[in-house]
Amino acid sequence: MSRAEELHAGRARLLLILADLSASGCRIPCVDATDPTPWTSEDPAAQTLAAKLCIGCSGFVDCRSFIERWPRESGVYAASTEVDRKTRTGRPRKATTTTTEGSAA
């Protein structure tokens, strides 16, 4: 199975799990929302709002497993935005040091 096929199958499994949880009365914000746009928006502010709504979601663990496997997916998964995931999967930031020049001894 190719990576693209694995991704497609993984996404399909996650959506089925979330739909089943929602149908059984569990709280699934991205499925139950009248407007799911914040979860798929490219706007960082909208994604941050959606990520906050993920807290306490019944499908959080399954969603987290999916996004750990596919961290480059767009949108919000398991309370993590694209910006959050890029920060974690990118190169470490350089340590910055502040020096004070001309201080009296």
N, C-alpha and C. Protein backbone atom coordinates (compact mmCIF):
# COMPACT_ATOMS: atom_id res chain seq x y z
N MET A 1 0.85 -1.17 0.00
CA MET A 1 0.00 0.00 0.00
C MET A 1 0.91 1.25 0.00
N SER A 2 0.60 2.20 -0.86
CA SER A 2 1.40 3.42 -0.93
C SER A 2 1.09 4.32 0.26
N ARG A 3 1.96 5.32 0.49
CA ARG A 3 1.73 6.29 1.58
C ARG A 3 0.42 7.03 1.38
N ALA A 4 0.12 7.39 0.15
CA ALA A 4 -1.13 8.10 -0.14
C ALA A 4 -2.33 7.22 0.20
N GLU A 5 -2.24 5.96 -0.12
CA GLU A 5 -3.32 5.03 0.20
C GLU A 5 -3.45 4.84 1.71
N GLU A 6 -2.31 4.77 2.40
CA GLU A 6 -2.33 4.65 3.87
C GLU A 6 -2.97 5.88 4.50
N LEU A 7 -2.60 7.06 4.00
CA LEU A 7 -3.19 8.30 4.50
C LEU A 7 -4.69 8.30 4.28
N HIS A 8 -5.11 7.98 3.08
CA HIS A 8 -6.54 7.96 2.76
C HIS A 8 -7.28 6.97 3.66
N ALA A 9 -6.72 5.79 3.85
CA ALA A 9 -7.35 4.77 4.70
C ALA A 9 -7.39 5.23 6.16
N GLY A 10 -6.31 5.84 6.62
CA GLY A 10 -6.26 6.34 8.00
C GLY A 10 -7.28 7.43 8.24
N ARG A 11 -7.41 8.36 7.28
CA ARG A 11 -8.39 9.43 7.40
C ARG A 11 -9.81 8.86 7.40
N ALA A 12 -10.06 7.90 6.52
CA ALA A 12 -11.38 7.27 6.45
C ALA A 12 -11.73 6.57 7.77
N ARG A 13 -10.74 5.87 8.36
CA ARG A 13 -10.98 5.21 9.66
C ARG A 13 -11.30 6.23 10.74
N LEU A 14 -10.53 7.32 10.78
CA LEU A 14 -10.77 8.36 11.78
C LEU A 14 -12.16 8.96 11.62
N LEU A 15 -12.54 9.30 10.39
CA LEU A 15 -13.87 9.89 10.17
C LEU A 15 -14.99 8.93 10.57
N LEU A 16 -14.80 7.64 10.31
CA LEU A 16 -15.79 6.64 10.71
C LEU A 16 -15.89 6.56 12.23
N ILE A 17 -14.76 6.55 12.90
CA ILE A 17 -14.76 6.51 14.37
C ILE A 17 -15.46 7.73 14.93
N LEU A 18 -15.14 8.91 14.41
CA LEU A 18 -15.75 10.15 14.91
C LEU A 18 -17.25 10.17 14.64
N ALA A 19 -17.66 9.71 13.46
CA ALA A 19 -19.09 9.67 13.13
C ALA A 19 -19.83 8.69 14.05
N ASP A 20 -19.23 7.54 14.32
CA ASP A 20 -19.84 6.56 15.22
C ASP A 20 -19.98 7.11 16.64
N LEU A 21 -18.93 7.78 17.11
CA LEU A 21 -18.99 8.38 18.45
C LEU A 21 -20.08 9.45 18.52
N SER A 22 -20.16 10.28 17.50
CA SER A 22 -21.17 11.33 17.46
C SER A 22 -22.57 10.73 17.43
N ALA A 23 -22.75 9.69 16.62
CA ALA A 23 -24.06 9.04 16.51
C ALA A 23 -24.49 8.39 17.83
N SER A 24 -23.50 8.00 18.64
CA SER A 24 -23.84 7.37 19.92
C SER A 24 -24.02 8.40 21.04
N GLY A 25 -23.96 9.70 20.68
CA GLY A 25 -24.23 10.75 21.65
C GLY A 25 -23.01 11.38 22.27
N CYS A 26 -21.82 10.98 21.84
CA CYS A 26 -20.60 11.57 22.37
C CYS A 26 -20.37 12.94 21.73
N ARG A 27 -19.66 13.79 22.47
CA ARG A 27 -19.37 15.13 21.98
C ARG A 27 -18.17 15.08 21.04
N ILE A 28 -18.40 15.41 19.77
CA ILE A 28 -17.37 15.47 18.75
C ILE A 28 -17.52 16.83 18.06
N PRO A 29 -16.83 17.86 18.55
CA PRO A 29 -17.06 19.22 18.07
C PRO A 29 -16.93 19.40 16.55
N CYS A 30 -15.94 18.79 15.93
CA CYS A 30 -15.75 19.00 14.49
C CYS A 30 -16.84 18.33 13.66
N VAL A 31 -17.43 17.27 14.18
CA VAL A 31 -18.51 16.58 13.47
C VAL A 31 -19.84 17.23 13.79
N ASP A 32 -20.04 17.62 15.04
CA ASP A 32 -21.32 18.16 15.48
C ASP A 32 -21.51 19.64 15.13
N ALA A 33 -20.45 20.33 14.77
CA ALA A 33 -20.52 21.77 14.50
C ALA A 33 -21.41 22.06 13.30
N THR A 34 -22.20 23.13 13.41
CA THR A 34 -22.99 23.55 12.26
C THR A 34 -22.09 24.16 11.19
N ASP A 35 -20.92 24.65 11.60
CA ASP A 35 -19.93 25.19 10.67
C ASP A 35 -18.57 24.57 10.99
N PRO A 36 -18.16 23.56 10.22
CA PRO A 36 -16.87 22.91 10.48
C PRO A 36 -15.67 23.68 9.93
N THR A 37 -15.90 24.85 9.34
CA THR A 37 -14.84 25.62 8.71
C THR A 37 -13.61 25.87 9.59
N PRO A 38 -13.77 26.21 10.89
CA PRO A 38 -12.56 26.48 11.68
C PRO A 38 -11.55 25.31 11.70
N TRP A 39 -12.02 24.09 11.58
CA TRP A 39 -11.11 22.94 11.62
C TRP A 39 -10.34 22.77 10.32
N THR A 40 -10.87 23.33 9.23
CA THR A 40 -10.21 23.19 7.94
C THR A 40 -9.67 24.51 7.40
N SER A 41 -9.89 25.58 8.12
CA SER A 41 -9.46 26.90 7.69
C SER A 41 -7.94 27.00 7.63
N GLU A 42 -7.46 27.87 6.77
CA GLU A 42 -6.03 28.14 6.71
C GLU A 42 -5.67 29.31 7.63
N ASP A 43 -6.67 29.94 8.22
CA ASP A 43 -6.46 31.09 9.11
C ASP A 43 -6.01 30.59 10.49
N PRO A 44 -4.82 30.98 10.94
CA PRO A 44 -4.32 30.53 12.24
C PRO A 44 -5.26 30.87 13.41
N ALA A 45 -5.92 32.02 13.38
CA ALA A 45 -6.83 32.40 14.46
C ALA A 45 -8.04 31.47 14.50
N ALA A 46 -8.57 31.12 13.34
CA ALA A 46 -9.71 30.19 13.28
C ALA A 46 -9.28 28.80 13.77
N GLN A 47 -8.08 28.38 13.38
CA GLN A 47 -7.59 27.08 13.84
C GLN A 47 -7.39 27.06 15.35
N THR A 48 -6.90 28.16 15.90
CA THR A 48 -6.70 28.23 17.35
C THR A 48 -8.04 28.09 18.08
N LEU A 49 -9.08 28.73 17.56
CA LEU A 49 -10.41 28.61 18.15
C LEU A 49 -10.89 27.16 18.08
N ALA A 50 -10.74 26.54 16.91
CA ALA A 50 -11.17 25.15 16.74
C ALA A 50 -10.40 24.23 17.68
N ALA A 51 -9.09 24.46 17.83
CA ALA A 51 -8.26 23.62 18.70
C ALA A 51 -8.76 23.67 20.14
N LYS A 52 -9.19 24.84 20.59
CA LYS A 52 -9.73 24.97 21.95
C LYS A 52 -11.00 24.15 22.11
N LEU A 53 -11.80 24.05 21.05
CA LEU A 53 -13.04 23.27 21.11
C LEU A 53 -12.78 21.77 21.15
N CYS A 54 -11.59 21.36 20.74
CA CYS A 54 -11.24 19.93 20.74
C CYS A 54 -11.04 19.37 22.16
N ILE A 55 -10.72 20.24 23.09
CA ILE A 55 -10.46 19.79 24.46
C ILE A 55 -11.72 19.10 25.00
N GLY A 56 -11.55 17.90 25.48
CA GLY A 56 -12.67 17.13 26.03
C GLY A 56 -13.43 16.32 24.99
N CYS A 57 -12.97 16.34 23.75
CA CYS A 57 -13.64 15.58 22.69
C CYS A 57 -13.48 14.08 22.95
N SER A 58 -14.54 13.35 22.71
CA SER A 58 -14.52 11.89 22.92
C SER A 58 -13.62 11.16 21.92
N GLY A 59 -13.32 11.79 20.80
CA GLY A 59 -12.48 11.15 19.80
C GLY A 59 -11.04 11.63 19.84
N PHE A 60 -10.67 12.35 20.90
CA PHE A 60 -9.35 12.97 21.00
C PHE A 60 -8.22 11.97 20.82
N VAL A 61 -8.29 10.84 21.46
CA VAL A 61 -7.19 9.85 21.41
C VAL A 61 -7.02 9.31 19.99
N ASP A 62 -8.11 8.98 19.33
CA ASP A 62 -8.03 8.47 17.96
C ASP A 62 -7.51 9.56 17.01
N CYS A 63 -7.98 10.77 17.23
CA CYS A 63 -7.54 11.90 16.41
C CYS A 63 -6.04 12.16 16.63
N ARG A 64 -5.59 12.08 17.86
CA ARG A 64 -4.17 12.28 18.19
C ARG A 64 -3.33 11.20 17.51
N SER A 65 -3.80 9.97 17.53
CA SER A 65 -3.05 8.88 16.88
C SER A 65 -2.90 9.15 15.38
N PHE A 66 -3.98 9.62 14.76
CA PHE A 66 -3.93 9.92 13.34
C PHE A 66 -2.92 11.02 13.05
N ILE A 67 -2.97 12.12 13.78
CA ILE A 67 -2.12 13.26 13.47
C ILE A 67 -0.67 13.01 13.87
N GLU A 68 -0.43 12.14 14.82
CA GLU A 68 0.95 11.77 15.11
C GLU A 68 1.55 10.98 13.95
N ARG A 69 0.74 10.21 13.29
CA ARG A 69 1.19 9.44 12.11
C ARG A 69 1.34 10.34 10.90
N TRP A 70 0.47 11.35 10.77
CA TRP A 70 0.42 12.23 9.61
C TRP A 70 0.50 13.71 10.04
N PRO A 71 1.59 14.16 10.62
CA PRO A 71 1.67 15.51 11.18
C PRO A 71 1.61 16.64 10.16
N ARG A 72 1.80 16.35 8.92
CA ARG A 72 1.78 17.40 7.89
C ARG A 72 0.39 17.64 7.30
N GLU A 73 -0.61 16.96 7.81
CA GLU A 73 -1.98 17.16 7.34
C GLU A 73 -2.44 18.58 7.67
N SER A 74 -3.22 19.15 6.79
CA SER A 74 -3.73 20.50 7.04
C SER A 74 -4.95 20.42 7.95
N GLY A 75 -5.21 21.52 8.64
CA GLY A 75 -6.37 21.58 9.53
C GLY A 75 -6.00 21.30 10.98
N VAL A 76 -7.03 21.21 11.79
CA VAL A 76 -6.88 21.01 13.23
C VAL A 76 -7.21 19.56 13.56
N TYR A 77 -6.34 18.94 14.31
CA TYR A 77 -6.54 17.57 14.79
C TYR A 77 -6.11 17.51 16.24
N ALA A 78 -6.93 16.93 17.09
CA ALA A 78 -6.58 16.69 18.50
C ALA A 78 -6.01 17.94 19.18
N ALA A 79 -6.68 19.03 18.98
CA ALA A 79 -6.31 20.32 19.60
C ALA A 79 -4.95 20.84 19.14
N SER A 80 -4.46 20.37 18.00
CA SER A 80 -3.21 20.90 17.49
C SER A 80 -3.45 21.53 16.12
N THR A 81 -2.95 22.74 15.97
CA THR A 81 -3.09 23.46 14.71
C THR A 81 -1.90 23.13 13.82
N GLU A 82 -2.00 23.57 12.57
CA GLU A 82 -0.87 23.36 11.65
C GLU A 82 0.38 24.06 12.18
N VAL A 83 0.22 25.24 12.74
CA VAL A 83 1.36 25.98 13.29
C VAL A 83 1.98 25.20 14.44
N ASP A 84 1.14 24.64 15.33
CA ASP A 84 1.66 23.82 16.43
C ASP A 84 2.50 22.66 15.91
N ARG A 85 1.99 21.98 14.91
CA ARG A 85 2.69 20.80 14.40
C ARG A 85 3.95 21.18 13.64
N LYS A 86 3.94 22.29 12.92
CA LYS A 86 5.15 22.71 12.22
C LYS A 86 6.24 23.06 13.21
N THR A 87 5.87 23.65 14.32
CA THR A 87 6.83 24.00 15.36
C THR A 87 7.46 22.74 15.93
N ARG A 88 6.66 21.69 16.13
CA ARG A 88 7.18 20.46 16.72
C ARG A 88 7.97 19.62 15.74
N THR A 89 7.61 19.67 14.45
CA THR A 89 8.29 18.80 13.49
C THR A 89 9.43 19.49 12.76
N GLY A 90 9.57 20.78 12.92
CA GLY A 90 10.62 21.52 12.25
C GLY A 90 11.94 21.46 13.00
N ARG A 91 12.86 22.25 12.51
CA ARG A 91 14.17 22.32 13.17
C ARG A 91 14.03 23.06 14.48
N PRO A 92 14.83 22.69 15.47
CA PRO A 92 14.79 23.39 16.75
C PRO A 92 15.20 24.84 16.57
N ARG A 93 14.62 25.71 17.34
CA ARG A 93 14.99 27.11 17.29
C ARG A 93 16.38 27.30 17.89
N LYS A 94 17.09 28.29 17.35
CA LYS A 94 18.40 28.61 17.90
C LYS A 94 18.20 29.30 19.24
N ALA A 95 19.07 28.97 20.16
CA ALA A 95 19.03 29.64 21.46
C ALA A 95 19.56 31.05 21.27
N THR A 96 18.86 32.00 21.84
CA THR A 96 19.32 33.38 21.74
C THR A 96 19.83 33.81 23.09
N THR A 97 20.90 34.58 23.06
CA THR A 97 21.45 35.10 24.31
C THR A 97 21.49 36.61 24.22
N THR A 98 21.25 37.24 25.30
CA THR A 98 21.29 38.69 25.35
C THR A 98 22.55 39.09 26.09
N THR A 99 23.30 39.97 25.47
CA THR A 99 24.51 40.46 26.12
C THR A 99 24.33 41.91 26.45
N THR A 100 24.93 42.32 27.51
CA THR A 100 24.88 43.71 27.93
C THR A 100 26.26 44.30 27.73
N GLU A 101 26.37 45.22 26.81
CA GLU A 101 27.65 45.85 26.53
C GLU A 101 27.75 47.17 27.27
N GLY A 102 28.93 47.52 27.64
CA GLY A 102 29.17 48.81 28.26
C GLY A 102 28.70 48.90 29.69
N SER A 103 28.55 47.77 30.37
CA SER A 103 28.13 47.84 31.78
C SER A 103 29.32 48.23 32.64
N ALA A 104 29.04 49.00 33.65
CA ALA A 104 30.11 49.48 34.54
C ALA A 104 30.58 48.36 35.45
N ALA A 105 31.87 48.35 35.68
CA ALA A 105 32.42 47.31 36.56
C ALA A 105 32.72 47.87 37.92
